[in-house]
Amino acid sequence: MAQQERAERTRRALINGAAKAIDLYGYEGASLAVICTAAGVTKGALMYHFPAKDDLVRAVRTEARQAIVGALGEIPHRGIRPLQAAVDITHAVAGRLGHDPVVRAGARLTREFVHYPDGSVAWTDAVREELADALAGAADPWGTAAQLVYSLIGMDVCLRAEADRPGRSCGPLRGHLTRLWQLILPGILAAPQAVELYRAEGSSPYCAFAAFPEPVRLGPRG
């Protein structure tokens, strides 16, 4: 049992280390040496658990999608208007993008390899489906959901580019997301005055995730 626990801890460290490296440097820049440094394990341990780099990348992408699906599952729908649930969904994703390096790495991999043949579905598909269901009463719910996903990704990318280093706070991202919903809500509501019934900033503190520690120094890429 102790050996299994150590193996699982090592595997978890490798996934988290790879996520931090990919988040910072992308697929190409996240060399095996960089990943091992971030994970605090030897290259032999990496190769034991993940014989090829793409095996590790698939694990990161799968974990990223599972994290998003888990976040979406925590959003309460009972007693909440479907459109408010849609708003809350986007804030839940923004929270994960702001705090979870695995989700951030998954998002970067999705951008770099739209058709990556890993057999998993991008987390954006899960979000788009949830949004489309919640926006069923609006005109063109699928189109609106797609635009929201694209906007969320674009805002995250732009905010990262403006920062001196990759941020771990989702405050700015949620702020831009709130303003986006303030623009969108009047246009998709049958009665624009009903916008007062909705909270563009989200109806629950879905951003209240425990902050991750500062990224480790990964050293030179090589």
Protein backbone atom coordinates (compact mmCIF):
# COMPACT_ATOMS: atom_id res chain seq x y z
CA MET A 1 0.00 0.00 0.00
CA ALA A 2 2.82 2.41 0.90
CA GLN A 3 4.45 1.74 -2.47
CA GLN A 4 1.18 2.45 -4.28
CA GLU A 5 0.78 5.70 -2.37
CA ARG A 6 4.30 6.79 -3.28
CA ALA A 7 3.66 5.93 -6.91
CA GLU A 8 0.46 7.97 -6.90
CA ARG A 9 2.21 10.93 -5.26
CA THR A 10 4.92 10.78 -7.90
CA ARG A 11 2.37 10.59 -10.69
CA ARG A 12 0.50 13.55 -9.21
CA ALA A 13 3.73 15.54 -8.88
CA LEU A 14 4.55 14.86 -12.52
CA ILE A 15 1.14 16.01 -13.74
CA ASN A 16 1.31 19.18 -11.64
CA GLY A 17 4.92 19.83 -12.66
CA ALA A 18 4.09 19.36 -16.33
CA ALA A 19 1.10 21.67 -15.96
CA LYS A 20 3.25 24.44 -14.44
CA ALA A 21 5.85 24.06 -17.18
CA ILE A 22 3.28 24.03 -19.99
CA ASP A 23 1.46 26.98 -18.45
CA LEU A 24 4.69 28.99 -18.51
CA TYR A 25 6.41 27.76 -21.67
CA GLY A 26 3.88 25.90 -23.81
CA TYR A 27 4.24 22.39 -25.20
CA GLU A 28 7.56 22.89 -26.96
CA GLY A 29 9.19 24.82 -24.12
CA ALA A 30 8.17 22.31 -21.46
CA SER A 31 11.07 19.93 -21.95
CA LEU A 32 11.39 16.76 -19.91
CA ALA A 33 14.21 18.37 -17.91
CA VAL A 34 12.03 21.36 -17.06
CA ILE A 35 9.13 19.11 -16.10
CA CYS A 36 11.33 16.98 -13.84
CA THR A 37 12.62 20.11 -12.10
CA ALA A 38 9.10 21.40 -11.55
CA ALA A 39 7.92 18.02 -10.27
CA GLY A 40 10.99 17.36 -8.13
CA VAL A 41 11.51 13.88 -9.59
CA THR A 42 14.12 12.14 -11.67
CA LYS A 43 13.85 11.58 -15.40
CA GLY A 44 13.78 7.85 -14.69
CA ALA A 45 10.68 8.26 -12.53
CA LEU A 46 9.05 10.32 -15.27
CA MET A 47 9.74 7.69 -17.90
CA TYR A 48 8.43 4.96 -15.59
CA HIS A 49 5.05 6.63 -15.21
CA PHE A 50 4.87 8.30 -18.62
CA PRO A 51 7.08 6.58 -21.25
CA ALA A 52 6.48 9.40 -23.73
CA LYS A 53 5.96 13.12 -23.30
CA ASP A 54 2.61 12.90 -25.09
CA ASP A 55 1.41 10.39 -22.47
CA LEU A 56 1.98 13.04 -19.82
CA VAL A 57 0.35 15.73 -21.94
CA ARG A 58 -2.73 13.56 -22.35
CA ALA A 59 -2.90 13.15 -18.58
CA VAL A 60 -2.72 16.93 -18.11
CA ARG A 61 -5.47 17.55 -20.66
CA THR A 62 -7.71 14.90 -19.11
CA GLU A 63 -7.18 16.31 -15.60
CA ALA A 64 -7.91 19.83 -16.85
CA ARG A 65 -11.21 18.77 -18.34
CA GLN A 66 -12.14 16.81 -15.22
CA ALA A 67 -11.41 19.87 -13.08
CA ILE A 68 -13.73 22.00 -15.22
CA VAL A 69 -16.45 19.35 -15.23
CA GLY A 70 -16.13 19.14 -11.44
CA ALA A 71 -16.42 22.92 -11.11
CA LEU A 72 -19.51 22.95 -13.33
CA GLY A 73 -21.04 20.18 -11.24
CA GLU A 74 -20.72 22.31 -8.11
CA ILE A 75 -22.84 25.11 -9.56
CA PRO A 76 -26.33 25.00 -8.00
CA HIS A 77 -29.16 25.12 -10.54
CA ARG A 78 -32.14 24.64 -8.24
CA GLY A 79 -33.80 27.95 -7.50
CA ILE A 80 -31.56 29.81 -9.95
CA ARG A 81 -32.70 31.14 -13.30
CA PRO A 82 -31.03 29.27 -16.18
CA LEU A 83 -29.51 32.48 -17.51
CA GLN A 84 -28.01 33.26 -14.11
CA ALA A 85 -26.60 29.74 -14.10
CA ALA A 86 -24.93 30.55 -17.42
CA VAL A 87 -23.34 33.64 -15.89
CA ASP A 88 -22.16 31.57 -12.92
CA ILE A 89 -20.70 28.91 -15.22
CA THR A 90 -18.38 31.41 -16.86
CA HIS A 91 -17.26 32.78 -13.49
CA ALA A 92 -16.56 29.26 -12.26
CA VAL A 93 -14.31 28.68 -15.27
CA ALA A 94 -12.63 32.06 -14.76
CA GLY A 95 -11.87 31.03 -11.19
CA ARG A 96 -10.21 27.82 -12.33
CA LEU A 97 -8.22 29.65 -14.99
CA GLY A 98 -7.04 32.08 -12.36
CA HIS A 99 -5.95 29.57 -9.73
CA ASP A 100 -5.45 26.08 -11.15
CA PRO A 101 -2.24 25.54 -13.18
CA VAL A 102 -3.59 22.26 -14.57
CA VAL A 103 -6.60 24.03 -16.05
CA ARG A 104 -4.37 26.83 -17.34
CA ALA A 105 -2.10 24.27 -18.98
CA GLY A 106 -5.10 22.51 -20.50
CA ALA A 107 -6.31 25.80 -21.93
CA ARG A 108 -2.89 26.54 -23.43
CA LEU A 109 -2.65 23.07 -24.96
CA THR A 110 -6.12 23.49 -26.45
CA ARG A 111 -5.00 26.74 -28.07
CA GLU A 112 -1.74 25.29 -29.36
CA PHE A 113 -3.18 21.98 -30.58
CA VAL A 114 -6.83 22.39 -31.49
CA HIS A 115 -6.94 18.93 -33.08
CA TYR A 116 -4.52 17.18 -30.74
CA PRO A 117 -5.18 13.43 -31.17
CA ASP A 118 -5.39 12.52 -27.50
CA GLY A 119 -8.87 11.04 -27.47
CA SER A 120 -10.17 13.55 -24.94
CA VAL A 121 -12.61 16.40 -25.41
CA ALA A 122 -11.45 19.96 -24.79
CA TRP A 123 -12.87 21.55 -21.65
CA THR A 124 -14.29 24.30 -23.85
CA ASP A 125 -16.79 21.81 -25.28
CA ALA A 126 -18.10 20.99 -21.81
CA VAL A 127 -18.53 24.69 -21.01
CA ARG A 128 -20.18 25.41 -24.35
CA GLU A 129 -22.71 22.61 -23.82
CA GLU A 130 -23.56 23.83 -20.32
CA LEU A 131 -23.96 27.39 -21.56
CA ALA A 132 -26.14 26.37 -24.50
CA ASP A 133 -28.49 24.52 -22.15
CA ALA A 134 -28.69 27.47 -19.80
CA LEU A 135 -29.27 29.91 -22.69
CA ALA A 136 -31.99 27.77 -24.29
CA GLY A 137 -34.49 30.62 -24.09
CA ALA A 138 -32.21 33.06 -25.89
CA ALA A 139 -31.83 33.57 -29.61
CA ASP A 140 -29.08 31.37 -31.08
CA PRO A 141 -27.99 29.81 -27.75
CA TRP A 142 -25.16 27.81 -29.34
CA GLY A 143 -23.75 30.87 -31.08
CA THR A 144 -23.97 32.94 -27.91
CA ALA A 145 -22.33 30.19 -25.89
CA ALA A 146 -19.50 29.91 -28.41
CA GLN A 147 -18.87 33.65 -28.36
CA LEU A 148 -18.74 33.63 -24.57
CA VAL A 149 -16.19 30.81 -24.56
CA TYR A 150 -14.06 32.55 -27.19
CA SER A 151 -14.24 35.83 -25.27
CA LEU A 152 -13.26 34.17 -22.01
CA ILE A 153 -10.23 32.54 -23.62
CA GLY A 154 -9.24 35.79 -25.32
CA MET A 155 -9.50 37.81 -22.12
CA ASP A 156 -7.34 35.27 -20.26
CA VAL A 157 -4.68 35.33 -22.98
CA CYS A 158 -4.60 39.14 -23.12
CA LEU A 159 -4.37 39.50 -19.35
CA ARG A 160 -1.48 37.04 -19.22
CA ALA A 161 0.36 39.00 -21.91
CA GLU A 162 -0.01 42.24 -19.96
CA ALA A 163 1.38 40.80 -16.73
CA ASP A 164 5.08 40.58 -15.86
CA ARG A 165 4.53 36.92 -15.03
CA PRO A 166 1.60 34.51 -15.28
CA GLY A 167 -0.88 35.57 -12.64
CA ARG A 168 -2.58 33.36 -10.10
CA SER A 169 -5.48 35.68 -9.40
CA CYS A 170 -8.73 35.61 -11.32
CA GLY A 171 -9.83 39.06 -10.10
CA PRO A 172 -9.01 40.95 -13.33
CA LEU A 173 -10.43 38.16 -15.49
CA ARG A 174 -13.69 38.10 -13.54
CA GLY A 175 -13.87 41.88 -13.75
CA HIS A 176 -13.68 41.84 -17.54
CA LEU A 177 -16.12 38.93 -17.62
CA THR A 178 -18.59 40.89 -15.51
CA ARG A 179 -18.44 43.82 -17.91
CA LEU A 180 -18.96 41.45 -20.83
CA TRP A 181 -22.13 40.07 -19.25
CA GLN A 182 -23.32 43.61 -18.55
CA LEU A 183 -23.16 44.19 -22.30
CA ILE A 184 -24.67 40.83 -23.30
CA LEU A 185 -27.59 40.48 -20.89
CA PRO A 186 -29.75 43.34 -22.25
CA GLY A 187 -29.37 41.96 -25.78
CA ILE A 188 -30.53 38.41 -25.04
CA LEU A 189 -33.36 39.18 -22.62
CA ALA A 190 -36.84 39.47 -24.12
CA ALA A 191 -37.50 42.34 -21.70
CA PRO A 192 -34.26 44.35 -21.38
CA GLN A 193 -35.47 45.84 -18.11
CA ALA A 194 -35.28 42.34 -16.63
CA VAL A 195 -31.49 42.73 -16.54
CA GLU A 196 -31.93 43.90 -12.95
CA LEU A 197 -32.89 40.34 -12.03
CA TYR A 198 -29.43 39.04 -12.88
CA ARG A 199 -26.00 39.45 -11.35
CA ALA A 200 -23.38 39.90 -14.03
CA GLU A 201 -20.65 39.30 -11.45
CA GLY A 202 -22.05 35.86 -10.60
CA SER A 203 -24.43 34.86 -7.85
CA SER A 204 -21.97 32.86 -5.74
CA PRO A 205 -18.27 33.16 -4.84
CA TYR A 206 -17.08 30.56 -7.36
CA CYS A 207 -13.68 32.21 -7.42
CA ALA A 208 -13.02 31.36 -3.78
CA PHE A 209 -10.49 28.63 -4.44
CA ALA A 210 -7.43 28.20 -2.25
CA ALA A 211 -4.52 30.04 -3.78
CA PHE A 212 -1.77 27.89 -5.21
CA PRO A 213 1.79 28.53 -4.02
CA GLU A 214 4.07 30.66 -6.12
CA PRO A 215 5.41 28.81 -9.16
CA VAL A 216 8.72 27.07 -8.60
CA ARG A 217 11.75 28.36 -10.43
CA LEU A 218 12.04 26.03 -13.36
CA GLY A 219 15.48 27.10 -14.46
CA PRO A 220 16.64 27.28 -18.07
CA ARG A 221 14.64 25.40 -20.65
CA GLY A 222 16.50 22.52 -22.10
